[in-house]
Amino acid sequence: IFNLLGIDTTEVLEAAGTKWNFLKFRPGLVGGH
């Protein structure tokens, strides 16, 4: 979504992550067994 809007996702997550109960997951490839 943010890519379509021209917003840097990492920067958004860093800002949202300042709230104590925000779970700091990051986007990426999800593999592994």
Full PDB file with SEQRES, HELIX, SHEET, SSBOND, CRYST1, ORIGX, SCALE, CONECT and MASTER records, all heavy atoms in Angstrom:
SEQRES   1 A   33  ILE PHE ASN LEU LEU GLY ILE ASP THR THR GLU VAL LEU          
SEQRES   2 A   33  GLU ALA ALA GLY THR LYS TRP ASN PHE LEU LYS PHE ARG          
SEQRES   3 A   33  PRO GLY LEU VAL GLY GLY HIS                                  
HELIX    1 AA1 PHE A    2  LEU A    5  1                                   4    
HELIX    2 AA2 THR A    9  ALA A   16  1                                   8    
CRYST1    1.000    1.000    1.000  90.00  90.00  90.00 P 1           1          
ORIGX1      1.000000  0.000000  0.000000        0.00000                         
ORIGX2      0.000000  1.000000  0.000000        0.00000                         
ORIGX3      0.000000  0.000000  1.000000        0.00000                         
SCALE1      1.000000  0.000000  0.000000        0.00000                         
SCALE2      0.000000  1.000000  0.000000        0.00000                         
SCALE3      0.000000  0.000000  1.000000        0.00000                         
ATOM      1  N   ILE A   1       0.834  -1.212   0.000  1.00  0.00           N  
ATOM      2  CA  ILE A   1       0.000   0.000   0.000  1.00  0.00           C  
ATOM      3  C   ILE A   1       0.863   1.255   0.000  1.00  0.00           C  
ATOM      4  O   ILE A   1       0.660   2.170  -0.812  1.00  0.00           O  
ATOM      5  CB  ILE A   1      -0.946  -0.003   1.222  1.00  0.00           C  
ATOM      6  CG1 ILE A   1      -1.956  -1.148   1.119  1.00  0.00           C  
ATOM      7  CG2 ILE A   1      -1.667   1.340   1.339  1.00  0.00           C  
ATOM      8  CD1 ILE A   1      -2.748  -1.372   2.391  1.00  0.00           C  
ATOM      9  N   PHE A   2       1.847   1.293   0.900  1.00  0.00           N  
ATOM     10  CA  PHE A   2       2.685   2.478   1.028  1.00  0.00           C  
ATOM     11  C   PHE A   2       3.548   2.701  -0.207  1.00  0.00           C  
ATOM     12  O   PHE A   2       3.864   3.836  -0.554  1.00  0.00           O  
ATOM     13  CB  PHE A   2       3.543   2.394   2.283  1.00  0.00           C  
ATOM     14  CG  PHE A   2       2.753   2.465   3.565  1.00  0.00           C  
ATOM     15  CD1 PHE A   2       3.188   1.807   4.711  1.00  0.00           C  
ATOM     16  CD2 PHE A   2       1.575   3.176   3.635  1.00  0.00           C  
ATOM     17  CE1 PHE A   2       2.469   1.865   5.889  1.00  0.00           C  
ATOM     18  CE2 PHE A   2       0.841   3.247   4.813  1.00  0.00           C  
ATOM     19  CZ  PHE A   2       1.285   2.582   5.941  1.00  0.00           C  
ATOM     20  N   ASN A   3       3.901   1.621  -0.885  1.00  0.00           N  
ATOM     21  CA  ASN A   3       4.658   1.761  -2.132  1.00  0.00           C  
ATOM     22  C   ASN A   3       3.835   2.508  -3.177  1.00  0.00           C  
ATOM     23  O   ASN A   3       4.342   3.366  -3.900  1.00  0.00           O  
ATOM     24  CB  ASN A   3       5.076   0.387  -2.656  1.00  0.00           C  
ATOM     25  CG  ASN A   3       5.847   0.467  -3.967  1.00  0.00           C  
ATOM     26  OD1 ASN A   3       6.878   1.113  -4.053  1.00  0.00           O  
ATOM     27  ND2 ASN A   3       5.337  -0.184  -4.990  1.00  0.00           N  
ATOM     28  N   LEU A   4       2.540   2.191  -3.234  1.00  0.00           N  
ATOM     29  CA  LEU A   4       1.644   2.884  -4.169  1.00  0.00           C  
ATOM     30  C   LEU A   4       1.462   4.353  -3.797  1.00  0.00           C  
ATOM     31  O   LEU A   4       1.246   5.205  -4.654  1.00  0.00           O  
ATOM     32  CB  LEU A   4       0.284   2.190  -4.205  1.00  0.00           C  
ATOM     33  CG  LEU A   4       0.254   0.777  -4.811  1.00  0.00           C  
ATOM     34  CD1 LEU A   4      -1.107   0.124  -4.574  1.00  0.00           C  
ATOM     35  CD2 LEU A   4       0.576   0.816  -6.295  1.00  0.00           C  
ATOM     36  N   LEU A   5       1.570   4.635  -2.497  1.00  0.00           N  
ATOM     37  CA  LEU A   5       1.375   5.995  -2.011  1.00  0.00           C  
ATOM     38  C   LEU A   5       2.660   6.802  -1.938  1.00  0.00           C  
ATOM     39  O   LEU A   5       2.646   7.977  -1.553  1.00  0.00           O  
ATOM     40  CB  LEU A   5       0.721   5.961  -0.623  1.00  0.00           C  
ATOM     41  CG  LEU A   5      -0.649   5.278  -0.523  1.00  0.00           C  
ATOM     42  CD1 LEU A   5      -1.144   5.294   0.917  1.00  0.00           C  
ATOM     43  CD2 LEU A   5      -1.657   5.951  -1.451  1.00  0.00           C  
ATOM     44  N   GLY A   6       3.783   6.164  -2.278  1.00  0.00           N  
ATOM     45  CA  GLY A   6       5.065   6.856  -2.239  1.00  0.00           C  
ATOM     46  C   GLY A   6       5.578   7.111  -0.834  1.00  0.00           C  
ATOM     47  O   GLY A   6       6.276   8.090  -0.577  1.00  0.00           O  
ATOM     48  N   ILE A   7       5.243   6.229   0.082  1.00  0.00           N  
ATOM     49  CA  ILE A   7       5.666   6.350   1.476  1.00  0.00           C  
ATOM     50  C   ILE A   7       6.650   5.235   1.801  1.00  0.00           C  
ATOM     51  O   ILE A   7       6.451   4.084   1.401  1.00  0.00           O  
ATOM     52  CB  ILE A   7       4.455   6.276   2.432  1.00  0.00           C  
ATOM     53  CG1 ILE A   7       3.434   7.368   2.110  1.00  0.00           C  
ATOM     54  CG2 ILE A   7       4.901   6.387   3.892  1.00  0.00           C  
ATOM     55  CD1 ILE A   7       2.131   7.232   2.887  1.00  0.00           C  
ATOM     56  N   ASP A   8       7.712   5.551   2.541  1.00  0.00           N  
ATOM     57  CA  ASP A   8       8.712   4.569   2.944  1.00  0.00           C  
ATOM     58  C   ASP A   8       8.171   3.754   4.125  1.00  0.00           C  
ATOM     59  O   ASP A   8       7.950   4.283   5.221  1.00  0.00           O  
ATOM     60  CB  ASP A   8      10.017   5.261   3.340  1.00  0.00           C  
ATOM     61  CG  ASP A   8      11.155   4.265   3.573  1.00  0.00           C  
ATOM     62  OD1 ASP A   8      11.032   3.409   4.471  1.00  0.00           O  
ATOM     63  OD2 ASP A   8      12.168   4.341   2.859  1.00  0.00           O  
ATOM     64  N   THR A   9       7.955   2.470   3.916  1.00  0.00           N  
ATOM     65  CA  THR A   9       7.355   1.607   4.928  1.00  0.00           C  
ATOM     66  C   THR A   9       8.201   1.530   6.192  1.00  0.00           C  
ATOM     67  O   THR A   9       7.677   1.564   7.309  1.00  0.00           O  
ATOM     68  CB  THR A   9       7.138   0.187   4.374  1.00  0.00           C  
ATOM     69  OG1 THR A   9       6.368   0.265   3.174  1.00  0.00           O  
ATOM     70  CG2 THR A   9       6.399  -0.685   5.376  1.00  0.00           C  
ATOM     71  N   THR A  10       9.511   1.421   6.020  1.00  0.00           N  
ATOM     72  CA  THR A  10      10.401   1.329   7.184  1.00  0.00           C  
ATOM     73  C   THR A  10      10.274   2.559   8.071  1.00  0.00           C  
ATOM     74  O   THR A  10      10.234   2.461   9.298  1.00  0.00           O  
ATOM     75  CB  THR A  10      11.857   1.143   6.726  1.00  0.00           C  
ATOM     76  OG1 THR A  10      11.970  -0.073   5.976  1.00  0.00           O  
ATOM     77  CG2 THR A  10      12.800   1.064   7.930  1.00  0.00           C  
ATOM     78  N   GLU A  11      10.177   3.722   7.458  1.00  0.00           N  
ATOM     79  CA  GLU A  11      10.038   4.955   8.232  1.00  0.00           C  
ATOM     80  C   GLU A  11       8.706   4.993   8.977  1.00  0.00           C  
ATOM     81  O   GLU A  11       8.628   5.472  10.116  1.00  0.00           O  
ATOM     82  CB  GLU A  11      10.180   6.161   7.315  1.00  0.00           C  
ATOM     83  CG  GLU A  11      11.597   6.332   6.755  1.00  0.00           C  
ATOM     84  CD  GLU A  11      11.727   7.471   5.766  1.00  0.00           C  
ATOM     85  OE1 GLU A  11      10.679   8.015   5.336  1.00  0.00           O  
ATOM     86  OE2 GLU A  11      12.871   7.821   5.407  1.00  0.00           O  
ATOM     87  N   VAL A  12       7.652   4.467   8.334  1.00  0.00           N  
ATOM     88  CA  VAL A  12       6.346   4.393   8.987  1.00  0.00           C  
ATOM     89  C   VAL A  12       6.402   3.466  10.203  1.00  0.00           C  
ATOM     90  O   VAL A  12       5.911   3.794  11.285  1.00  0.00           O  
ATOM     91  CB  VAL A  12       5.260   3.908   8.014  1.00  0.00           C  
ATOM     92  CG1 VAL A  12       3.922   3.737   8.748  1.00  0.00           C  
ATOM     93  CG2 VAL A  12       5.094   4.874   6.858  1.00  0.00           C  
ATOM     94  N   LEU A  13       7.026   2.319  10.026  1.00  0.00           N  
ATOM     95  CA  LEU A  13       7.118   1.342  11.113  1.00  0.00           C  
ATOM     96  C   LEU A  13       7.960   1.870  12.271  1.00  0.00           C  
ATOM     97  O   LEU A  13       7.665   1.605  13.440  1.00  0.00           O  
ATOM     98  CB  LEU A  13       7.690   0.023  10.597  1.00  0.00           C  
ATOM     99  CG  LEU A  13       6.804  -0.743   9.603  1.00  0.00           C  
ATOM    100  CD1 LEU A  13       7.547  -1.934   9.032  1.00  0.00           C  
ATOM    101  CD2 LEU A  13       5.514  -1.206  10.269  1.00  0.00           C  
ATOM    102  N   GLU A  14       9.017   2.608  11.945  1.00  0.00           N  
ATOM    103  CA  GLU A  14       9.833   3.212  12.995  1.00  0.00           C  
ATOM    104  C   GLU A  14       9.030   4.224  13.805  1.00  0.00           C  
ATOM    105  O   GLU A  14       9.157   4.299  15.030  1.00  0.00           O  
ATOM    106  CB  GLU A  14      11.070   3.870  12.384  1.00  0.00           C  
ATOM    107  CG  GLU A  14      12.111   2.870  11.895  1.00  0.00           C  
ATOM    108  CD  GLU A  14      13.242   3.532  11.138  1.00  0.00           C  
ATOM    109  OE1 GLU A  14      13.145   4.753  10.857  1.00  0.00           O  
ATOM    110  OE2 GLU A  14      14.227   2.834  10.797  1.00  0.00           O  
ATOM    111  N   ALA A  15       8.196   4.991  13.129  1.00  0.00           N  
ATOM    112  CA  ALA A  15       7.353   5.968  13.824  1.00  0.00           C  
ATOM    113  C   ALA A  15       6.287   5.273  14.671  1.00  0.00           C  
ATOM    114  O   ALA A  15       6.098   5.601  15.848  1.00  0.00           O  
ATOM    115  CB  ALA A  15       6.697   6.907  12.809  1.00  0.00           C  
ATOM    116  N   ALA A  16       5.606   4.282  14.075  1.00  0.00           N  
ATOM    117  CA  ALA A  16       4.565   3.551  14.805  1.00  0.00           C  
ATOM    118  C   ALA A  16       5.144   2.762  15.973  1.00  0.00           C  
ATOM    119  O   ALA A  16       4.492   2.575  17.003  1.00  0.00           O  
ATOM    120  CB  ALA A  16       3.819   2.612  13.859  1.00  0.00           C  
ATOM    121  N   GLY A  17       6.375   2.321  15.815  1.00  0.00           N  
ATOM    122  CA  GLY A  17       7.033   1.527  16.840  1.00  0.00           C  
ATOM    123  C   GLY A  17       7.339   2.268  18.124  1.00  0.00           C  
ATOM    124  O   GLY A  17       7.736   1.656  19.115  1.00  0.00           O  
ATOM    125  N   THR A  18       7.151   3.569  18.120  1.00  0.00           N  
ATOM    126  CA  THR A  18       7.367   4.341  19.346  1.00  0.00           C  
ATOM    127  C   THR A  18       6.242   4.129  20.352  1.00  0.00           C  
ATOM    128  O   THR A  18       6.387   4.502  21.520  1.00  0.00           O  
ATOM    129  CB  THR A  18       7.502   5.842  19.035  1.00  0.00           C  
ATOM    130  OG1 THR A  18       6.295   6.305  18.384  1.00  0.00           O  
ATOM    131  CG2 THR A  18       8.692   6.104  18.130  1.00  0.00           C  
ATOM    132  N   LYS A  19       5.109   3.559  19.914  1.00  0.00           N  
ATOM    133  CA  LYS A  19       4.041   3.234  20.854  1.00  0.00           C  
ATOM    134  C   LYS A  19       4.368   1.918  21.550  1.00  0.00           C  
ATOM    135  O   LYS A  19       4.784   0.949  20.923  1.00  0.00           O  
ATOM    136  CB  LYS A  19       2.700   3.134  20.127  1.00  0.00           C  
ATOM    137  CG  LYS A  19       1.519   3.050  21.080  1.00  0.00           C  
ATOM    138  CD  LYS A  19       0.181   2.978  20.378  1.00  0.00           C  
ATOM    139  CE  LYS A  19      -0.963   2.927  21.381  1.00  0.00           C  
ATOM    140  NZ  LYS A  19      -2.284   2.769  20.756  1.00  0.00           N  
ATOM    141  N   TRP A  20       4.126   1.888  22.893  1.00  0.00           N  
ATOM    142  CA  TRP A  20       4.589   0.789  23.711  1.00  0.00           C  
ATOM    143  C   TRP A  20       4.027  -0.566  23.317  1.00  0.00           C  
ATOM    144  O   TRP A  20       4.673  -1.590  23.523  1.00  0.00           O  
ATOM    145  CB  TRP A  20       4.265   1.063  25.189  1.00  0.00           C  
ATOM    146  CG  TRP A  20       2.798   0.918  25.527  1.00  0.00           C  
ATOM    147  CD1 TRP A  20       2.169  -0.208  25.987  1.00  0.00           C  
ATOM    148  CD2 TRP A  20       1.768   1.903  25.388  1.00  0.00           C  
ATOM    149  NE1 TRP A  20       0.812   0.019  26.152  1.00  0.00           N  
ATOM    150  CE2 TRP A  20       0.547   1.319  25.806  1.00  0.00           C  
ATOM    151  CE3 TRP A  20       1.753   3.241  24.974  1.00  0.00           C  
ATOM    152  CZ2 TRP A  20      -0.655   2.002  25.796  1.00  0.00           C  
ATOM    153  CZ3 TRP A  20       0.550   3.928  24.978  1.00  0.00           C  
ATOM    154  CH2 TRP A  20      -0.629   3.303  25.387  1.00  0.00           C  
ATOM    155  N   ASN A  21       2.803  -0.597  22.754  1.00  0.00           N  
ATOM    156  CA  ASN A  21       2.173  -1.882  22.460  1.00  0.00           C  
ATOM    157  C   ASN A  21       2.147  -2.224  20.978  1.00  0.00           C  
ATOM    158  O   ASN A  21       1.431  -3.132  20.560  1.00  0.00           O  
ATOM    159  CB  ASN A  21       0.752  -1.941  23.037  1.00  0.00           C  
ATOM    160  CG  ASN A  21      -0.172  -0.894  22.444  1.00  0.00           C  
ATOM    161  OD1 ASN A  21       0.264   0.009  21.715  1.00  0.00           O  
ATOM    162  ND2 ASN A  21      -1.457  -0.992  22.758  1.00  0.00           N  
ATOM    163  N   PHE A  22       2.939  -1.501  20.184  1.00  0.00           N  
ATOM    164  CA  PHE A  22       3.038  -1.819  18.761  1.00  0.00           C  
ATOM    165  C   PHE A  22       4.034  -2.952  18.563  1.00  0.00           C  
ATOM    166  O   PHE A  22       5.159  -2.899  19.080  1.00  0.00           O  
ATOM    167  CB  PHE A  22       3.472  -0.590  17.959  1.00  0.00           C  
ATOM    168  CG  PHE A  22       3.501  -0.827  16.468  1.00  0.00           C  
ATOM    169  CD1 PHE A  22       2.349  -0.703  15.723  1.00  0.00           C  
ATOM    170  CD2 PHE A  22       4.678  -1.182  15.823  1.00  0.00           C  
ATOM    171  CE1 PHE A  22       2.362  -0.922  14.355  1.00  0.00           C  
ATOM    172  CE2 PHE A  22       4.706  -1.396  14.455  1.00  0.00           C  
ATOM    173  CZ  PHE A  22       3.550  -1.274  13.722  1.00  0.00           C  
ATOM    174  N   LEU A  23       3.619  -3.986  17.836  1.00  0.00           N  
ATOM    175  CA  LEU A  23       4.494  -5.122  17.563  1.00  0.00           C  
ATOM    176  C   LEU A  23       5.384  -4.803  16.372  1.00  0.00           C  
ATOM    177  O   LEU A  23       4.891  -4.545  15.276  1.00  0.00           O  
ATOM    178  CB  LEU A  23       3.659  -6.381  17.276  1.00  0.00           C  
ATOM    179  CG  LEU A  23       2.721  -6.823  18.403  1.00  0.00           C  
ATOM    180  CD1 LEU A  23       1.884  -8.016  17.966  1.00  0.00           C  
ATOM    181  CD2 LEU A  23       3.508  -7.154  19.652  1.00  0.00           C  
ATOM    182  N   LYS A  24       6.702  -4.819  16.578  1.00  0.00           N  
ATOM    183  CA  LYS A  24       7.645  -4.315  15.586  1.00  0.00           C  
ATOM    184  C   LYS A  24       8.057  -5.381  14.563  1.00  0.00           C  
ATOM    185  O   LYS A  24       9.222  -5.767  14.455  1.00  0.00           O  
ATOM    186  CB  LYS A  24       8.875  -3.736  16.285  1.00  0.00           C  
ATOM    187  CG  LYS A  24       8.551  -2.543  17.180  1.00  0.00           C  
ATOM    188  CD  LYS A  24       9.781  -1.987  17.859  1.00  0.00           C  
ATOM    189  CE  LYS A  24       9.412  -0.828  18.777  1.00  0.00           C  
ATOM    190  NZ  LYS A  24      10.599  -0.265  19.475  1.00  0.00           N  
ATOM    191  N   PHE A  25       7.070  -5.866  13.813  1.00  0.00           N  
ATOM    192  CA  PHE A  25       7.379  -6.754  12.701  1.00  0.00           C  
ATOM    193  C   PHE A  25       7.781  -5.931  11.481  1.00  0.00           C  
ATOM    194  O   PHE A  25       7.351  -4.787  11.318  1.00  0.00           O  
ATOM    195  CB  PHE A  25       6.182  -7.638  12.360  1.00  0.00           C  
ATOM    196  CG  PHE A  25       5.923  -8.707  13.379  1.00  0.00           C  
ATOM    197  CD1 PHE A  25       5.062  -8.477  14.440  1.00  0.00           C  
ATOM    198  CD2 PHE A  25       6.547  -9.934  13.288  1.00  0.00           C  
ATOM    199  CE1 PHE A  25       4.824  -9.452  15.391  1.00  0.00           C  
ATOM    200  CE2 PHE A  25       6.310 -10.917  14.232  1.00  0.00           C  
ATOM    201  CZ  PHE A  25       5.451 -10.675  15.286  1.00  0.00           C  
ATOM    202  N   ARG A  26       8.627  -6.523  10.630  1.00  0.00           N  
ATOM    203  CA  ARG A  26       9.087  -5.840   9.424  1.00  0.00           C  
ATOM    204  C   ARG A  26       8.663  -6.639   8.198  1.00  0.00           C  
ATOM    205  O   ARG A  26       8.517  -7.864   8.261  1.00  0.00           O  
ATOM    206  CB  ARG A  26      10.609  -5.678   9.438  1.00  0.00           C  
ATOM    207  CG  ARG A  26      11.124  -4.836  10.594  1.00  0.00           C  
ATOM    208  CD  ARG A  26      12.625  -4.814  10.618  1.00  0.00           C  
ATOM    209  NE  ARG A  26      13.182  -4.049   9.504  1.00  0.00           N  
ATOM    210  CZ  ARG A  26      13.443  -2.759   9.540  1.00  0.00           C  
ATOM    211  NH1 ARG A  26      13.207  -2.079  10.641  1.00  0.00           N  
ATOM    212  NH2 ARG A  26      13.972  -2.134   8.488  1.00  0.00           N  
ATOM    213  N   PRO A  27       8.468  -5.978   7.074  1.00  0.00           N  
ATOM    214  CA  PRO A  27       8.111  -6.709   5.857  1.00  0.00           C  
ATOM    215  C   PRO A  27       9.279  -7.549   5.356  1.00  0.00           C  
ATOM    216  O   PRO A  27      10.432  -7.288   5.695  1.00  0.00           O  
ATOM    217  CB  PRO A  27       7.770  -5.583   4.870  1.00  0.00           C  
ATOM    218  CG  PRO A  27       8.554  -4.402   5.350  1.00  0.00           C  
ATOM    219  CD  PRO A  27       8.579  -4.519   6.847  1.00  0.00           C  
ATOM    220  N   GLY A  28       8.980  -8.550   4.540  1.00  0.00           N  
ATOM    221  CA  GLY A  28      10.044  -9.371   3.982  1.00  0.00           C  
ATOM    222  C   GLY A  28       9.535 -10.674   3.418  1.00  0.00           C  
ATOM    223  O   GLY A  28       8.332 -10.951   3.377  1.00  0.00           O  
ATOM    224  N   LEU A  29      10.465 -11.503   2.967  1.00  0.00           N  
ATOM    225  CA  LEU A  29      10.154 -12.832   2.469  1.00  0.00           C  
ATOM    226  C   LEU A  29       9.977 -13.761   3.668  1.00  0.00           C  
ATOM    227  O   LEU A  29      10.798 -13.760   4.577  1.00  0.00           O  
ATOM    228  CB  LEU A  29      11.287 -13.343   1.573  1.00  0.00           C  
ATOM    229  CG  LEU A  29      11.687 -12.454   0.396  1.00  0.00           C  
ATOM    230  CD1 LEU A  29      12.876 -13.059  -0.331  1.00  0.00           C  
ATOM    231  CD2 LEU A  29      10.525 -12.248  -0.558  1.00  0.00           C  
ATOM    232  N   VAL A  30       8.941 -14.542   3.662  1.00  0.00           N  
ATOM    233  CA  VAL A  30       8.648 -15.420   4.792  1.00  0.00           C  
ATOM    234  C   VAL A  30       8.808 -16.866   4.357  1.00  0.00           C  
ATOM    235  O   VAL A  30       7.908 -17.473   3.777  1.00  0.00           O  
ATOM    236  CB  VAL A  30       7.230 -15.181   5.342  1.00  0.00           C  
ATOM    237  CG1 VAL A  30       7.031 -15.977   6.634  1.00  0.00           C  
ATOM    238  CG2 VAL A  30       7.001 -13.701   5.600  1.00  0.00           C  
ATOM    239  N   GLY A  31       9.983 -17.421   4.620  1.00  0.00           N  
ATOM    240  CA  GLY A  31      10.269 -18.805   4.267  1.00  0.00           C  
ATOM    241  C   GLY A  31      10.686 -19.591   5.492  1.00  0.00           C  
ATOM    242  O   GLY A  31      10.269 -19.310   6.610  1.00  0.00           O  
ATOM    243  N   GLY A  32      11.528 -20.582   5.274  1.00  0.00           N  
ATOM    244  CA  GLY A  32      11.971 -21.419   6.379  1.00  0.00           C  
ATOM    245  C   GLY A  32      11.033 -22.586   6.579  1.00  0.00           C  
ATOM    246  O   GLY A  32       9.881 -22.584   6.139  1.00  0.00           O  
ATOM    247  N   HIS A  33      11.513 -23.596   7.282  1.00  0.00           N  
ATOM    248  CA  HIS A  33      10.749 -24.823   7.416  1.00  0.00           C  
ATOM    249  C   HIS A  33       9.527 -24.667   8.304  1.00  0.00           C  
ATOM    250  O   HIS A  33       8.522 -25.321   8.082  1.00  0.00           O  
ATOM    251  CB  HIS A  33      11.627 -25.944   7.970  1.00  0.00           C  
ATOM    252  CG  HIS A  33      10.886 -27.233   8.104  1.00  0.00           C  
ATOM    253  ND1 HIS A  33      10.372 -27.904   7.024  1.00  0.00           N  
ATOM    254  CD2 HIS A  33      10.513 -27.940   9.192  1.00  0.00           C  
ATOM    255  CE1 HIS A  33       9.727 -28.982   7.443  1.00  0.00           C  
ATOM    256  NE2 HIS A  33       9.800 -29.021   8.752  1.00  0.00           N  
TER     257      HIS A  33                                                      
MASTER        0    0    0    2    0    0    0    6  256    1    0    3          
END                                                                             
